[in-house]
Amino acid sequence: MVKPIMEKTVDKLRIEIYENRPDMGAAAAAAVVKELKELLAKLDEVNMVFAAAPSQNEFLAALIAAEGIDWSRVNAFHLDEYIGLPKDAPQRFANFLNNAIFGKLPFKTINLLDGTAEPAAECARYSAL
């Protein structure tokens, strides 16, 4: 397991500093995998929200490589989306996540925001999920 090069606590916030992005991504993925396995041991399924940005690349790659997770019991959601971009626009967060993780693991469901829909209606639809 990757260890931080520095750790400290400010108020109640624990801060870990890593040598580089791959180490940071591996450590973040290890923490998520641990929690996910604990939740899947207790629950039939788990909802998980994913952020879309290049800053997530190392984390997502490490998560994909993790072993022992039954992804068929995980419902994937993405955090946010641009309004008004065409569905095939490479800038869309849904497209980033489809390429980075959603298309690489067998999730139970993949729930995407539709940035082409009327915003209030789309917020209501997504909230209901």
C-alpha atoms as a PDB file:
ATOM      1  CA  MET A   1       0.000   0.000   0.000  1.00  0.00           C
ATOM      2  CA  VAL A   2       1.199   3.478  -0.879  1.00  0.00           C
ATOM      3  CA  LYS A   3       2.043   5.652   2.118  1.00  0.00           C
ATOM      4  CA  PRO A   4       1.777   9.439   2.235  1.00  0.00           C
ATOM      5  CA  ILE A   5       4.985  11.427   2.501  1.00  0.00           C
ATOM      6  CA  MET A   6       3.266  13.728   4.987  1.00  0.00           C
ATOM      7  CA  GLU A   7       0.119  13.612   7.112  1.00  0.00           C
ATOM      8  CA  LYS A   8      -1.453  16.245   9.287  1.00  0.00           C
ATOM      9  CA  THR A   9      -4.792  17.258  10.731  1.00  0.00           C
ATOM     10  CA  VAL A  10      -6.242  20.742  10.516  1.00  0.00           C
ATOM     11  CA  ASP A  11      -9.292  21.147  12.747  1.00  0.00           C
ATOM     12  CA  LYS A  12     -11.086  17.862  11.971  1.00  0.00           C
ATOM     13  CA  LEU A  13      -9.733  17.504   8.420  1.00  0.00           C
ATOM     14  CA  ARG A  14      -7.066  14.832   7.890  1.00  0.00           C
ATOM     15  CA  ILE A  15      -4.640  15.756   5.116  1.00  0.00           C
ATOM     16  CA  GLU A  16      -2.377  13.299   3.314  1.00  0.00           C
ATOM     17  CA  ILE A  17       0.304  14.416   0.858  1.00  0.00           C
ATOM     18  CA  TYR A  18       1.719  11.962  -1.673  1.00  0.00           C
ATOM     19  CA  GLU A  19       4.881  11.910  -3.754  1.00  0.00           C
ATOM     20  CA  ASN A  20       2.974  12.041  -7.046  1.00  0.00           C
ATOM     21  CA  ARG A  21      -0.424  11.688  -8.693  1.00  0.00           C
ATOM     22  CA  PRO A  22      -0.220   7.922  -9.292  1.00  0.00           C
ATOM     23  CA  ASP A  23       0.498   7.354  -5.578  1.00  0.00           C
ATOM     24  CA  MET A  24      -2.332   9.707  -4.598  1.00  0.00           C
ATOM     25  CA  GLY A  25      -4.753   7.985  -6.980  1.00  0.00           C
ATOM     26  CA  ALA A  26      -3.769   4.542  -5.691  1.00  0.00           C
ATOM     27  CA  ALA A  27      -4.253   5.623  -2.084  1.00  0.00           C
ATOM     28  CA  ALA A  28      -7.631   7.206  -2.805  1.00  0.00           C
ATOM     29  CA  ALA A  29      -8.766   4.098  -4.685  1.00  0.00           C
ATOM     30  CA  ALA A  30      -7.604   1.829  -1.853  1.00  0.00           C
ATOM     31  CA  ALA A  31      -9.688   3.824   0.634  1.00  0.00           C
ATOM     32  CA  VAL A  32     -12.750   3.689  -1.627  1.00  0.00           C
ATOM     33  CA  VAL A  33     -12.300  -0.035  -2.327  1.00  0.00           C
ATOM     34  CA  LYS A  34     -12.114  -0.755   1.410  1.00  0.00           C
ATOM     35  CA  GLU A  35     -15.314   1.187   2.090  1.00  0.00           C
ATOM     36  CA  LEU A  36     -17.080  -0.270  -0.958  1.00  0.00           C
ATOM     37  CA  LYS A  37     -16.282  -3.833   0.089  1.00  0.00           C
ATOM     38  CA  GLU A  38     -17.581  -3.133   3.595  1.00  0.00           C
ATOM     39  CA  LEU A  39     -20.815  -1.686   2.200  1.00  0.00           C
ATOM     40  CA  LEU A  40     -21.311  -4.572  -0.242  1.00  0.00           C
ATOM     41  CA  ALA A  41     -20.884  -7.020   2.647  1.00  0.00           C
ATOM     42  CA  LYS A  42     -23.916  -5.402   4.322  1.00  0.00           C
ATOM     43  CA  LEU A  43     -26.083  -4.199   1.423  1.00  0.00           C
ATOM     44  CA  ASP A  44     -27.555  -5.742  -1.706  1.00  0.00           C
ATOM     45  CA  GLU A  45     -26.425  -2.785  -3.803  1.00  0.00           C
ATOM     46  CA  VAL A  46     -24.550   0.489  -3.436  1.00  0.00           C
ATOM     47  CA  ASN A  47     -24.936   3.850  -5.171  1.00  0.00           C
ATOM     48  CA  MET A  48     -21.680   5.542  -6.117  1.00  0.00           C
ATOM     49  CA  VAL A  49     -21.125   9.031  -7.556  1.00  0.00           C
ATOM     50  CA  PHE A  50     -18.158   9.731  -9.847  1.00  0.00           C
ATOM     51  CA  ALA A  51     -16.532  13.074 -10.619  1.00  0.00           C
ATOM     52  CA  ALA A  52     -15.338  13.726 -14.154  1.00  0.00           C
ATOM     53  CA  ALA A  53     -12.026  15.492 -14.637  1.00  0.00           C
ATOM     54  CA  PRO A  54      -8.467  14.654 -15.622  1.00  0.00           C
ATOM     55  CA  SER A  55      -7.601  14.994 -11.919  1.00  0.00           C
ATOM     56  CA  GLN A  56      -9.500  11.712 -11.461  1.00  0.00           C
ATOM     57  CA  ASN A  57      -7.498   9.702 -14.034  1.00  0.00           C
ATOM     58  CA  GLU A  58      -5.115   7.958 -11.642  1.00  0.00           C
ATOM     59  CA  PHE A  59      -7.870   7.275  -9.112  1.00  0.00           C
ATOM     60  CA  LEU A  60     -10.193   5.783 -11.738  1.00  0.00           C
ATOM     61  CA  ALA A  61      -7.409   3.640 -13.220  1.00  0.00           C
ATOM     62  CA  ALA A  62      -6.565   2.262  -9.777  1.00  0.00           C
ATOM     63  CA  LEU A  63     -10.245   1.634  -9.055  1.00  0.00           C
ATOM     64  CA  ILE A  64     -10.641  -0.308 -12.295  1.00  0.00           C
ATOM     65  CA  ALA A  65      -7.625  -2.457 -11.397  1.00  0.00           C
ATOM     66  CA  ALA A  66      -8.962  -3.274  -7.911  1.00  0.00           C
ATOM     67  CA  GLU A  67      -9.916  -6.877  -7.291  1.00  0.00           C
ATOM     68  CA  GLY A  68     -12.754  -8.408  -5.326  1.00  0.00           C
ATOM     69  CA  ILE A  69     -15.540  -5.908  -6.064  1.00  0.00           C
ATOM     70  CA  ASP A  70     -18.868  -7.124  -7.409  1.00  0.00           C
ATOM     71  CA  TRP A  71     -19.529  -4.166  -9.726  1.00  0.00           C
ATOM     72  CA  SER A  72     -22.832  -5.755 -10.784  1.00  0.00           C
ATOM     73  CA  ARG A  73     -24.172  -4.553  -7.412  1.00  0.00           C
ATOM     74  CA  VAL A  74     -23.012  -0.947  -7.853  1.00  0.00           C
ATOM     75  CA  ASN A  75     -25.205   1.776  -9.369  1.00  0.00           C
ATOM     76  CA  ALA A  76     -23.012   4.420 -10.976  1.00  0.00           C
ATOM     77  CA  PHE A  77     -23.955   8.099 -11.117  1.00  0.00           C
ATOM     78  CA  HIS A  78     -22.018  11.042 -12.395  1.00  0.00           C
ATOM     79  CA  LEU A  79     -21.767  14.256 -10.474  1.00  0.00           C
ATOM     80  CA  ASP A  80     -22.458  17.036 -12.938  1.00  0.00           C
ATOM     81  CA  GLU A  81     -22.851  17.944 -16.587  1.00  0.00           C
ATOM     82  CA  TYR A  82     -22.664  20.881 -18.938  1.00  0.00           C
ATOM     83  CA  ILE A  83     -25.997  22.251 -20.151  1.00  0.00           C
ATOM     84  CA  GLY A  84     -26.588  22.455 -23.881  1.00  0.00           C
ATOM     85  CA  LEU A  85     -23.653  20.462 -25.262  1.00  0.00           C
ATOM     86  CA  PRO A  86     -24.597  17.841 -27.861  1.00  0.00           C
ATOM     87  CA  LYS A  87     -24.561  14.272 -26.553  1.00  0.00           C
ATOM     88  CA  ASP A  88     -21.478  13.426 -28.630  1.00  0.00           C
ATOM     89  CA  ALA A  89     -19.441  16.451 -27.480  1.00  0.00           C
ATOM     90  CA  PRO A  90     -16.081  15.247 -26.109  1.00  0.00           C
ATOM     91  CA  GLN A  91     -16.284  17.898 -23.364  1.00  0.00           C
ATOM     92  CA  ARG A  92     -19.338  16.273 -21.759  1.00  0.00           C
ATOM     93  CA  PHE A  93     -18.628  14.745 -18.366  1.00  0.00           C
ATOM     94  CA  ALA A  94     -20.745  11.701 -19.229  1.00  0.00           C
ATOM     95  CA  ASN A  95     -18.507  10.994 -22.233  1.00  0.00           C
ATOM     96  CA  PHE A  96     -15.381  11.376 -20.098  1.00  0.00           C
ATOM     97  CA  LEU A  97     -16.723   8.892 -17.532  1.00  0.00           C
ATOM     98  CA  ASN A  98     -17.968   6.464 -20.192  1.00  0.00           C
ATOM     99  CA  ASN A  99     -14.421   6.330 -21.575  1.00  0.00           C
ATOM    100  CA  ALA A 100     -12.623   6.420 -18.226  1.00  0.00           C
ATOM    101  CA  ILE A 101     -14.644   3.892 -16.180  1.00  0.00           C
ATOM    102  CA  PHE A 102     -18.304   3.294 -17.049  1.00  0.00           C
ATOM    103  CA  GLY A 103     -17.425   1.401 -20.224  1.00  0.00           C
ATOM    104  CA  LYS A 104     -14.794  -0.681 -18.432  1.00  0.00           C
ATOM    105  CA  LEU A 105     -16.673  -2.182 -15.477  1.00  0.00           C
ATOM    106  CA  PRO A 106     -19.948  -4.152 -15.344  1.00  0.00           C
ATOM    107  CA  PHE A 107     -22.019  -1.776 -13.183  1.00  0.00           C
ATOM    108  CA  LYS A 108     -25.575  -2.737 -12.259  1.00  0.00           C
ATOM    109  CA  THR A 109     -26.763   0.590 -13.694  1.00  0.00           C
ATOM    110  CA  ILE A 110     -25.085   3.659 -15.129  1.00  0.00           C
ATOM    111  CA  ASN A 111     -27.099   6.810 -14.538  1.00  0.00           C
ATOM    112  CA  LEU A 112     -26.166   9.821 -16.630  1.00  0.00           C
ATOM    113  CA  LEU A 113     -27.327  13.406 -16.524  1.00  0.00           C
ATOM    114  CA  ASP A 114     -28.745  14.659 -19.812  1.00  0.00           C
ATOM    115  CA  GLY A 115     -27.351  18.127 -20.458  1.00  0.00           C
ATOM    116  CA  THR A 116     -29.615  18.509 -23.503  1.00  0.00           C
ATOM    117  CA  ALA A 117     -32.824  18.186 -21.450  1.00  0.00           C
ATOM    118  CA  GLU A 118     -34.711  21.041 -19.820  1.00  0.00           C
ATOM    119  CA  PRO A 119     -32.641  21.638 -16.632  1.00  0.00           C
ATOM    120  CA  ALA A 120     -35.410  21.636 -13.984  1.00  0.00           C
ATOM    121  CA  ALA A 121     -37.019  18.507 -15.433  1.00  0.00           C
ATOM    122  CA  GLU A 122     -33.644  16.783 -15.668  1.00  0.00           C
ATOM    123  CA  CYS A 123     -32.846  17.664 -12.043  1.00  0.00           C
ATOM    124  CA  ALA A 124     -36.172  16.145 -10.973  1.00  0.00           C
ATOM    125  CA  ARG A 125     -35.578  12.991 -13.052  1.00  0.00           C
ATOM    126  CA  TYR A 126     -32.056  12.510 -11.750  1.00  0.00           C
ATOM    127  CA  SER A 127     -33.059  13.195  -8.155  1.00  0.00           C
ATOM    128  CA  ALA A 128     -35.715  10.499  -8.387  1.00  0.00           C
ATOM    129  CA  LEU A 129     -33.051   7.937  -9.283  1.00  0.00           C
END
